[in-house]
PDB file of N, CA and C in Angstrom:
ATOM      1  N   MET A   1      97.530 101.951  91.971  1.00  0.00           N
ATOM      2  CA  MET A   1      98.437 101.445  92.978  1.00  0.00           C
ATOM      3  C   MET A   1      99.808 102.059  92.769  1.00  0.00           C
ATOM      4  N   LEU A   2     100.462 102.330  93.870  1.00  0.00           N
ATOM      5  CA  LEU A   2     101.865 102.722  93.815  1.00  0.00           C
ATOM      6  C   LEU A   2     102.683 101.537  94.301  1.00  0.00           C
ATOM      7  N   LEU A   3     103.739 101.265  93.580  1.00  0.00           N
ATOM      8  CA  LEU A   3     104.638 100.174  93.933  1.00  0.00           C
ATOM      9  C   LEU A   3     106.034 100.731  94.128  1.00  0.00           C
ATOM     10  N   VAL A   4     106.721 100.215  95.129  1.00  0.00           N
ATOM     11  CA  VAL A   4     108.121 100.544  95.348  1.00  0.00           C
ATOM     12  C   VAL A   4     108.889  99.244  95.156  1.00  0.00           C
ATOM     13  N   ASP A   5     109.734  99.235  94.152  1.00  0.00           N
ATOM     14  CA  ASP A   5     110.487  98.029  93.809  1.00  0.00           C
ATOM     15  C   ASP A   5     109.569  96.815  93.713  1.00  0.00           C
ATOM     16  N   ASP A   6     108.469  96.986  93.000  1.00  0.00           N
ATOM     17  CA  ASP A   6     107.480  95.939  92.702  1.00  0.00           C
ATOM     18  C   ASP A   6     106.650  95.460  93.893  1.00  0.00           C
ATOM     19  N   VAL A   7     106.664  96.189  94.992  1.00  0.00           N
ATOM     20  CA  VAL A   7     105.824  95.866  96.145  1.00  0.00           C
ATOM     21  C   VAL A   7     104.730  96.929  96.238  1.00  0.00           C
ATOM     22  N   VAL A   8     103.454  96.504  96.309  1.00  0.00           N
ATOM     23  CA  VAL A   8     102.340  97.436  96.415  1.00  0.00           C
ATOM     24  C   VAL A   8     102.392  98.106  97.784  1.00  0.00           C
ATOM     25  N   VAL A   9     102.504  99.446  97.781  1.00  0.00           N
ATOM     26  CA  VAL A   9     102.599 100.187  99.040  1.00  0.00           C
ATOM     27  C   VAL A   9     101.429 101.137  99.250  1.00  0.00           C
ATOM     28  N   TYR A  10     100.671 101.439  98.192  1.00  0.00           N
ATOM     29  CA  TYR A  10      99.562 102.392  98.318  1.00  0.00           C
ATOM     30  C   TYR A  10      98.522 102.111  97.241  1.00  0.00           C
ATOM     31  N   ILE A  11      97.267 102.202  97.635  1.00  0.00           N
ATOM     32  CA  ILE A  11      96.153 102.082  96.697  1.00  0.00           C
ATOM     33  C   ILE A  11      95.228 103.257  96.936  1.00  0.00           C
ATOM     34  N   GLY A  12      94.860 103.935  95.871  1.00  0.00           N
ATOM     35  CA  GLY A  12      93.957 105.068  95.985  1.00  0.00           C
ATOM     36  C   GLY A  12      93.262 105.316  94.667  1.00  0.00           C
ATOM     37  N   GLU A  13      92.219 106.105  94.730  1.00  0.00           N
ATOM     38  CA  GLU A  13      91.493 106.443  93.498  1.00  0.00           C
ATOM     39  C   GLU A  13      91.789 107.879  93.107  1.00  0.00           C
ATOM     40  N   ALA A  14      91.765 108.120  91.824  1.00  0.00           N
ATOM     41  CA  ALA A  14      92.025 109.460  91.300  1.00  0.00           C
ATOM     42  C   ALA A  14      90.741 109.974  90.673  1.00  0.00           C
ATOM     43  N   LYS A  15      90.225 111.053  91.230  1.00  0.00           N
ATOM     44  CA  LYS A  15      89.000 111.671  90.716  1.00  0.00           C
ATOM     45  C   LYS A  15      89.328 113.056  90.195  1.00  0.00           C
ATOM     46  N   GLY A  16      88.367 113.643  89.570  1.00  0.00           N
ATOM     47  CA  GLY A  16      88.515 115.036  89.155  1.00  0.00           C
ATOM     48  C   GLY A  16      89.042 115.188  87.750  1.00  0.00           C
ATOM     49  N   SER A  17      89.120 116.418  87.337  1.00  0.00           N
ATOM     50  CA  SER A  17      89.480 116.721  85.953  1.00  0.00           C
ATOM     51  C   SER A  17      90.941 116.412  85.637  1.00  0.00           C
ATOM     52  N   LYS A  18      91.808 116.426  86.645  1.00  0.00           N
ATOM     53  CA  LYS A  18      93.226 116.168  86.392  1.00  0.00           C
ATOM     54  C   LYS A  18      93.540 114.677  86.344  1.00  0.00           C
ATOM     55  N   GLY A  19      92.670 113.837  86.876  1.00  0.00           N
ATOM     56  CA  GLY A  19      92.843 112.398  86.809  1.00  0.00           C
ATOM     57  C   GLY A  19      94.094 111.899  87.502  1.00  0.00           C
ATOM     58  N   LEU A  20      94.517 110.717  87.099  1.00  0.00           N
ATOM     59  CA  LEU A  20      95.648 110.055  87.735  1.00  0.00           C
ATOM     60  C   LEU A  20      96.948 110.837  87.567  1.00  0.00           C
ATOM     61  N   ARG A  21      97.214 111.305  86.372  1.00  0.00           N
ATOM     62  CA  ARG A  21      98.454 112.061  86.127  1.00  0.00           C
ATOM     63  C   ARG A  21      98.534 113.268  87.051  1.00  0.00           C
ATOM     64  N   GLY A  22      97.445 114.014  87.146  1.00  0.00           N
ATOM     65  CA  GLY A  22      97.421 115.191  88.008  1.00  0.00           C
ATOM     66  C   GLY A  22      97.627 114.843  89.470  1.00  0.00           C
ATOM     67  N   ARG A  23      97.001 113.753  89.905  1.00  0.00           N
ATOM     68  CA  ARG A  23      97.148 113.347  91.306  1.00  0.00           C
ATOM     69  C   ARG A  23      98.585 112.927  91.600  1.00  0.00           C
ATOM     70  N   LEU A  24      99.167 112.144  90.706  1.00  0.00           N
ATOM     71  CA  LEU A  24     100.555 111.712  90.920  1.00  0.00           C
ATOM     72  C   LEU A  24     101.507 112.892  90.982  1.00  0.00           C
ATOM     73  N   LEU A  25     101.339 113.833  90.058  1.00  0.00           N
ATOM     74  CA  LEU A  25     102.256 114.972  90.023  1.00  0.00           C
ATOM     75  C   LEU A  25     102.023 115.944  91.170  1.00  0.00           C
ATOM     76  N   SER A  26     100.764 116.276  91.456  1.00  0.00           N
ATOM     77  CA  SER A  26     100.502 117.307  92.458  1.00  0.00           C
ATOM     78  C   SER A  26     100.524 116.787  93.884  1.00  0.00           C
ATOM     79  N   LYS A  27     100.095 115.567  94.095  1.00  0.00           N
ATOM     80  CA  LYS A  27     100.033 115.044  95.469  1.00  0.00           C
ATOM     81  C   LYS A  27     101.247 114.187  95.813  1.00  0.00           C
ATOM     82  N   HIS A  28     101.520 113.208  94.991  1.00  0.00           N
ATOM     83  CA  HIS A  28     102.536 112.230  95.355  1.00  0.00           C
ATOM     84  C   HIS A  28     103.960 112.731  95.125  1.00  0.00           C
ATOM     85  N   LEU A  29     104.244 113.258  93.957  1.00  0.00           N
ATOM     86  CA  LEU A  29     105.619 113.685  93.677  1.00  0.00           C
ATOM     87  C   LEU A  29     105.916 115.096  94.163  1.00  0.00           C
ATOM     88  N   SER A  30     104.999 116.006  93.948  1.00  0.00           N
ATOM     89  CA  SER A  30     105.258 117.403  94.296  1.00  0.00           C
ATOM     90  C   SER A  30     104.553 117.838  95.570  1.00  0.00           C
ATOM     91  N   GLY A  31     103.849 116.910  96.204  1.00  0.00           N
ATOM     92  CA  GLY A  31     103.095 117.255  97.406  1.00  0.00           C
ATOM     93  C   GLY A  31     103.984 117.691  98.553  1.00  0.00           C
ATOM     94  N   ASP A  32     103.349 118.154  99.616  1.00  0.00           N
ATOM     95  CA  ASP A  32     104.137 118.607 100.754  1.00  0.00           C
ATOM     96  C   ASP A  32     104.784 117.405 101.461  1.00  0.00           C
ATOM     97  N   ASP A  33     105.684 117.694 102.367  1.00  0.00           N
ATOM     98  CA  ASP A  33     106.466 116.648 103.024  1.00  0.00           C
ATOM     99  C   ASP A  33     105.635 115.760 103.950  1.00  0.00           C
ATOM    100  N   ASN A  34     104.389 116.103 104.199  1.00  0.00           N
ATOM    101  CA  ASN A  34     103.540 115.278 105.048  1.00  0.00           C
ATOM    102  C   ASN A  34     102.739 114.244 104.267  1.00  0.00           C
ATOM    103  N   HIS A  35     102.818 114.277 102.951  1.00  0.00           N
ATOM    104  CA  HIS A  35     102.111 113.290 102.152  1.00  0.00           C
ATOM    105  C   HIS A  35     102.825 111.952 102.281  1.00  0.00           C
ATOM    106  N   ALA A  36     102.078 110.841 102.185  1.00  0.00           N
ATOM    107  CA  ALA A  36     102.613 109.500 102.459  1.00  0.00           C
ATOM    108  C   ALA A  36     103.900 109.192 101.706  1.00  0.00           C
ATOM    109  N   ILE A  37     103.932 109.459 100.430  1.00  0.00           N
ATOM    110  CA  ILE A  37     105.130 109.102  99.652  1.00  0.00           C
ATOM    111  C   ILE A  37     106.316 109.976 100.036  1.00  0.00           C
ATOM    112  N   GLN A  38     106.062 111.220 100.362  1.00  0.00           N
ATOM    113  CA  GLN A  38     107.145 112.101 100.798  1.00  0.00           C
ATOM    114  C   GLN A  38     107.673 111.647 102.163  1.00  0.00           C
ATOM    115  N   ARG A  39     106.757 111.323 103.082  1.00  0.00           N
ATOM    116  CA  ARG A  39     107.170 110.848 104.415  1.00  0.00           C
ATOM    117  C   ARG A  39     107.983 109.565 104.331  1.00  0.00           C
ATOM    118  N   ALA A  40     107.601 108.678 103.409  1.00  0.00           N
ATOM    119  CA  ALA A  40     108.263 107.382 103.303  1.00  0.00           C
ATOM    120  C   ALA A  40     109.749 107.509 102.978  1.00  0.00           C
ATOM    121  N   PHE A  41     110.115 108.534 102.232  1.00  0.00           N
ATOM    122  CA  PHE A  41     111.507 108.684 101.802  1.00  0.00           C
ATOM    123  C   PHE A  41     112.206 109.888 102.412  1.00  0.00           C
ATOM    124  N   LYS A  42     111.512 110.643 103.247  1.00  0.00           N
ATOM    125  CA  LYS A  42     112.065 111.892 103.783  1.00  0.00           C
ATOM    126  C   LYS A  42     113.306 111.662 104.645  1.00  0.00           C
ATOM    127  N   GLU A  43     113.289 110.662 105.497  1.00  0.00           N
ATOM    128  CA  GLU A  43     114.436 110.421 106.372  1.00  0.00           C
ATOM    129  C   GLU A  43     115.649 109.961 105.561  1.00  0.00           C
ATOM    130  N   GLN A  44     115.419 109.066 104.618  1.00  0.00           N
ATOM    131  CA  GLN A  44     116.504 108.542 103.793  1.00  0.00           C
ATOM    132  C   GLN A  44     117.040 109.602 102.824  1.00  0.00           C
ATOM    133  N   PHE A  45     116.137 110.467 102.342  1.00  0.00           N
ATOM    134  CA  PHE A  45     116.504 111.511 101.380  1.00  0.00           C
ATOM    135  C   PHE A  45     115.949 112.862 101.848  1.00  0.00           C
ATOM    136  N   PRO A  46     116.615 113.523 102.806  1.00  0.00           N
ATOM    137  CA  PRO A  46     116.108 114.806 103.286  1.00  0.00           C
ATOM    138  C   PRO A  46     116.070 115.874 102.204  1.00  0.00           C
ATOM    139  N   ASP A  47     116.994 115.795 101.252  1.00  0.00           N
ATOM    140  CA  ASP A  47     117.006 116.738 100.144  1.00  0.00           C
ATOM    141  C   ASP A  47     115.866 116.382  99.181  1.00  0.00           C
ATOM    142  N   ARG A  48     114.957 117.304  98.991  1.00  0.00           N
ATOM    143  CA  ARG A  48     113.752 117.060  98.185  1.00  0.00           C
ATOM    144  C   ARG A  48     114.084 116.653  96.746  1.00  0.00           C
ATOM    145  N   PHE A  49     115.105 117.249  96.165  1.00  0.00           N
ATOM    146  CA  PHE A  49     115.491 116.910  94.797  1.00  0.00           C
ATOM    147  C   PHE A  49     115.966 115.454  94.711  1.00  0.00           C
ATOM    148  N   LEU A  50     116.840 115.045  95.638  1.00  0.00           N
ATOM    149  CA  LEU A  50     117.336 113.665  95.648  1.00  0.00           C
ATOM    150  C   LEU A  50     116.204 112.679  95.915  1.00  0.00           C
ATOM    151  N   ARG A  51     115.275 113.074  96.780  1.00  0.00           N
ATOM    152  CA  ARG A  51     114.120 112.231  97.083  1.00  0.00           C
ATOM    153  C   ARG A  51     113.288 112.000  95.829  1.00  0.00           C
ATOM    154  N   ARG A  52     113.035 113.066  95.115  1.00  0.00           N
ATOM    155  CA  ARG A  52     112.227 112.963  93.892  1.00  0.00           C
ATOM    156  C   ARG A  52     112.936 112.105  92.843  1.00  0.00           C
ATOM    157  N   GLU A  53     114.246 112.251  92.705  1.00  0.00           N
ATOM    158  CA  GLU A  53     115.005 111.431  91.759  1.00  0.00           C
ATOM    159  C   GLU A  53     114.934 109.953  92.151  1.00  0.00           C
ATOM    160  N   HIS A  54     115.024 109.680  93.436  1.00  0.00           N
ATOM    161  CA  HIS A  54     114.907 108.301  93.919  1.00  0.00           C
ATOM    162  C   HIS A  54     113.520 107.733  93.583  1.00  0.00           C
ATOM    163  N   MET A  55     112.496 108.525  93.799  1.00  0.00           N
ATOM    164  CA  MET A  55     111.135 108.066  93.513  1.00  0.00           C
ATOM    165  C   MET A  55     110.946 107.775  92.032  1.00  0.00           C
ATOM    166  N   LYS A  56     111.540 108.576  91.183  1.00  0.00           N
ATOM    167  CA  LYS A  56     111.406 108.359  89.735  1.00  0.00           C
ATOM    168  C   LYS A  56     111.947 106.994  89.314  1.00  0.00           C
ATOM    169  N   VAL A  57     112.950 106.509  90.019  1.00  0.00           N
ATOM    170  CA  VAL A  57     113.567 105.232  89.667  1.00  0.00           C
ATOM    171  C   VAL A  57     112.861 104.046  90.337  1.00  0.00           C
ATOM    172  N   HIS A  58     112.444 104.223  91.588  1.00  0.00           N
ATOM    173  CA  HIS A  58     111.976 103.087  92.385  1.00  0.00           C
ATOM    174  C   HIS A  58     110.462 102.991  92.556  1.00  0.00           C
ATOM    175  N   VAL A  59     109.737 104.041  92.236  1.00  0.00           N
ATOM    176  CA  VAL A  59     108.281 104.026  92.422  1.00  0.00           C
ATOM    177  C   VAL A  59     107.609 103.987  91.057  1.00  0.00           C
ATOM    178  N   CYS A  60     106.629 103.112  90.921  1.00  0.00           N
ATOM    179  CA  CYS A  60     105.855 103.098  89.678  1.00  0.00           C
ATOM    180  C   CYS A  60     104.371 103.015  90.022  1.00  0.00           C
ATOM    181  N   ALA A  61     103.557 103.329  89.056  1.00  0.00           N
ATOM    182  CA  ALA A  61     102.103 103.307  89.239  1.00  0.00           C
ATOM    183  C   ALA A  61     101.491 102.301  88.278  1.00  0.00           C
ATOM    184  N   ARG A  62     100.494 101.613  88.765  1.00  0.00           N
ATOM    185  CA  ARG A  62      99.669 100.742  87.931  1.00  0.00           C
ATOM    186  C   ARG A  62      98.230 101.121  88.219  1.00  0.00           C
ATOM    187  N   TRP A  63      97.393 101.031  87.207  1.00  0.00           N
ATOM    188  CA  TRP A  63      96.027 101.476  87.384  1.00  0.00           C
ATOM    189  C   TRP A  63      95.048 100.636  86.586  1.00  0.00           C
ATOM    190  N   LEU A  64      93.811 100.741  87.007  1.00  0.00           N
ATOM    191  CA  LEU A  64      92.672 100.165  86.310  1.00  0.00           C
ATOM    192  C   LEU A  64      91.730 101.296  85.970  1.00  0.00           C
ATOM    193  N   VAL A  65      91.164 101.261  84.789  1.00  0.00           N
ATOM    194  CA  VAL A  65      90.119 102.217  84.434  1.00  0.00           C
ATOM    195  C   VAL A  65      88.799 101.546  84.789  1.00  0.00           C
ATOM    196  N   VAL A  66      88.046 102.183  85.662  1.00  0.00           N
ATOM    197  CA  VAL A  66      86.762 101.638  86.100  1.00  0.00           C
ATOM    198  C   VAL A  66      85.667 102.473  85.454  1.00  0.00           C
ATOM    199  N   PRO A  67      84.959 101.900  84.477  1.00  0.00           N
ATOM    200  CA  PRO A  67      83.973 102.690  83.738  1.00  0.00           C
ATOM    201  C   PRO A  67      82.780 103.136  84.581  1.00  0.00           C
ATOM    202  N   ASP A  68      82.475 102.413  85.650  1.00  0.00           N
ATOM    203  CA  ASP A  68      81.326 102.757  86.497  1.00  0.00           C
ATOM    204  C   ASP A  68      81.832 103.414  87.774  1.00  0.00           C
ATOM    205  N   PRO A  69      81.749 104.755  87.873  1.00  0.00           N
ATOM    206  CA  PRO A  69      82.270 105.460  89.054  1.00  0.00           C
ATOM    207  C   PRO A  69      81.661 104.970  90.372  1.00  0.00           C
ATOM    208  N   ALA A  70      80.468 104.419  90.319  1.00  0.00           N
ATOM    209  CA  ALA A  70      79.824 103.944  91.541  1.00  0.00           C
ATOM    210  C   ALA A  70      80.562 102.743  92.138  1.00  0.00           C
ATOM    211  N   ARG A  71      81.351 102.063  91.344  1.00  0.00           N
ATOM    212  CA  ARG A  71      82.076 100.877  91.819  1.00  0.00           C
ATOM    213  C   ARG A  71      83.522 101.170  92.226  1.00  0.00           C
ATOM    214  N   THR A  72      83.988 102.359  91.964  1.00  0.00           N
ATOM    215  CA  THR A  72      85.394 102.690  92.199  1.00  0.00           C
ATOM    216  C   THR A  72      85.786 102.550  93.668  1.00  0.00           C
ATOM    217  N   SER A  73      85.016 103.128  94.574  1.00  0.00           N
ATOM    218  CA  SER A  73      85.370 103.072  95.995  1.00  0.00           C
ATOM    219  C   SER A  73      85.329 101.649  96.528  1.00  0.00           C
ATOM    220  N   ALA A  74      84.359 100.861  96.071  1.00  0.00           N
ATOM    221  CA  ALA A  74      84.281  99.468  96.512  1.00  0.00           C
ATOM    222  C   ALA A  74      85.508  98.690  96.038  1.00  0.00           C
ATOM    223  N   LEU A  75      85.930  98.928  94.807  1.00  0.00           N
ATOM    224  CA  LEU A  75      87.120  98.264  94.279  1.00  0.00           C
ATOM    225  C   LEU A  75      88.367  98.696  95.051  1.00  0.00           C
ATOM    226  N   GLU A  76      88.451  99.990  95.349  1.00  0.00           N
ATOM    227  CA  GLU A  76      89.585 100.488  96.127  1.00  0.00           C
ATOM    228  C   GLU A  76      89.653  99.784  97.481  1.00  0.00           C
ATOM    229  N   ARG A  77      88.535  99.687  98.177  1.00  0.00           N
ATOM    230  CA  ARG A  77      88.511  99.019  99.491  1.00  0.00           C
ATOM    231  C   ARG A  77      88.902  97.544  99.371  1.00  0.00           C
ATOM    232  N   LEU A  78      88.409  96.877  98.318  1.00  0.00           N
ATOM    233  CA  LEU A  78      88.738  95.472  98.106  1.00  0.00           C
ATOM    234  C   LEU A  78      90.239  95.287  97.874  1.00  0.00           C
ATOM    235  N   LEU A  79      90.815  96.132  97.032  1.00  0.00           N
ATOM    236  CA  LEU A  79      92.251  96.025  96.760  1.00  0.00           C
ATOM    237  C   LEU A  79      93.087  96.320  97.999  1.00  0.00           C
ATOM    238  N   ILE A  80      92.661  97.281  98.805  1.00  0.00           N
ATOM    239  CA  ILE A  80      93.365  97.573 100.058  1.00  0.00           C
ATOM    240  C   ILE A  80      93.289  96.361 100.983  1.00  0.00           C
ATOM    241  N   TRP A  81      92.129  95.736 101.052  1.00  0.00           N
ATOM    242  CA  TRP A  81      91.954  94.551 101.882  1.00  0.00           C
ATOM    243  C   TRP A  81      92.857  93.402 101.395  1.00  0.00           C
ATOM    244  N   LEU A  82      92.929  93.221 100.071  1.00  0.00           N
ATOM    245  CA  LEU A  82      93.733  92.136  99.510  1.00  0.00           C
ATOM    246  C   LEU A  82      95.231  92.353  99.679  1.00  0.00           C
ATOM    247  N   TYR A  83      95.696  93.550  99.355  1.00  0.00           N
ATOM    248  CA  TYR A  83      97.134  93.829  99.347  1.00  0.00           C
ATOM    249  C   TYR A  83      97.673  94.319 100.691  1.00  0.00           C
ATOM    250  N   LYS A  84      96.808  94.914 101.514  1.00  0.00           N
ATOM    251  CA  LYS A  84      97.213  95.500 102.792  1.00  0.00           C
ATOM    252  C   LYS A  84      98.451  96.397 102.654  1.00  0.00           C
ATOM    253  N   PRO A  85      98.371  97.391 101.751  1.00  0.00           N
ATOM    254  CA  PRO A  85      99.535  98.242 101.488  1.00  0.00           C
ATOM    255  C   PRO A  85      99.936  99.072 102.717  1.00  0.00           C
ATOM    256  N   GLU A  86     101.217  99.159 102.925  1.00  0.00           N
ATOM    257  CA  GLU A  86     101.789  99.835 104.101  1.00  0.00           C
ATOM    258  C   GLU A  86     101.327 101.290 104.222  1.00  0.00           C
ATOM    259  N   TRP A  87     101.325 102.039 103.131  1.00  0.00           N
ATOM    260  CA  TRP A  87     101.012 103.464 103.205  1.00  0.00           C
ATOM    261  C   TRP A  87      99.533 103.718 103.407  1.00  0.00           C
ATOM    262  N   ASN A  88      98.677 102.755 103.196  1.00  0.00           N
ATOM    263  CA  ASN A  88      97.261 102.930 103.482  1.00  0.00           C
ATOM    264  C   ASN A  88      96.967 102.733 104.964  1.00  0.00           C
ATOM    265  N   ARG A  89      97.915 102.212 105.696  1.00  0.00           N
ATOM    266  CA  ARG A  89      97.717 101.957 107.131  1.00  0.00           C
ATOM    267  C   ARG A  89      98.212 103.086 108.005  1.00  0.00           C
ATOM    268  N   THR A  90      98.981 104.011 107.434  1.00  0.00           N
ATOM    269  CA  THR A  90      99.553 105.082 108.265  1.00  0.00           C
ATOM    270  C   THR A  90      98.759 106.353 108.138  1.00  0.00           C
TER     271      THR A  90
END
């Protein structure tokens, strides 16, 4: 989950060899301006450097390790249903 000032705004799963760290760095923080987290702060912080600095202070990640990969997508859907995060709706 990604939280902005302690509010859950996005829930997603991280697969692949790079895992969560790789996904956060390559998609969320360094991703192109059309990615959800970039879009969320683009208007307020048009300068990419200032945007990234803002995200470092106000955005945090929390995660669960799910030992059974077959259950990961079901858990993701359940958490999205429970929290109804804003960035999962856009």
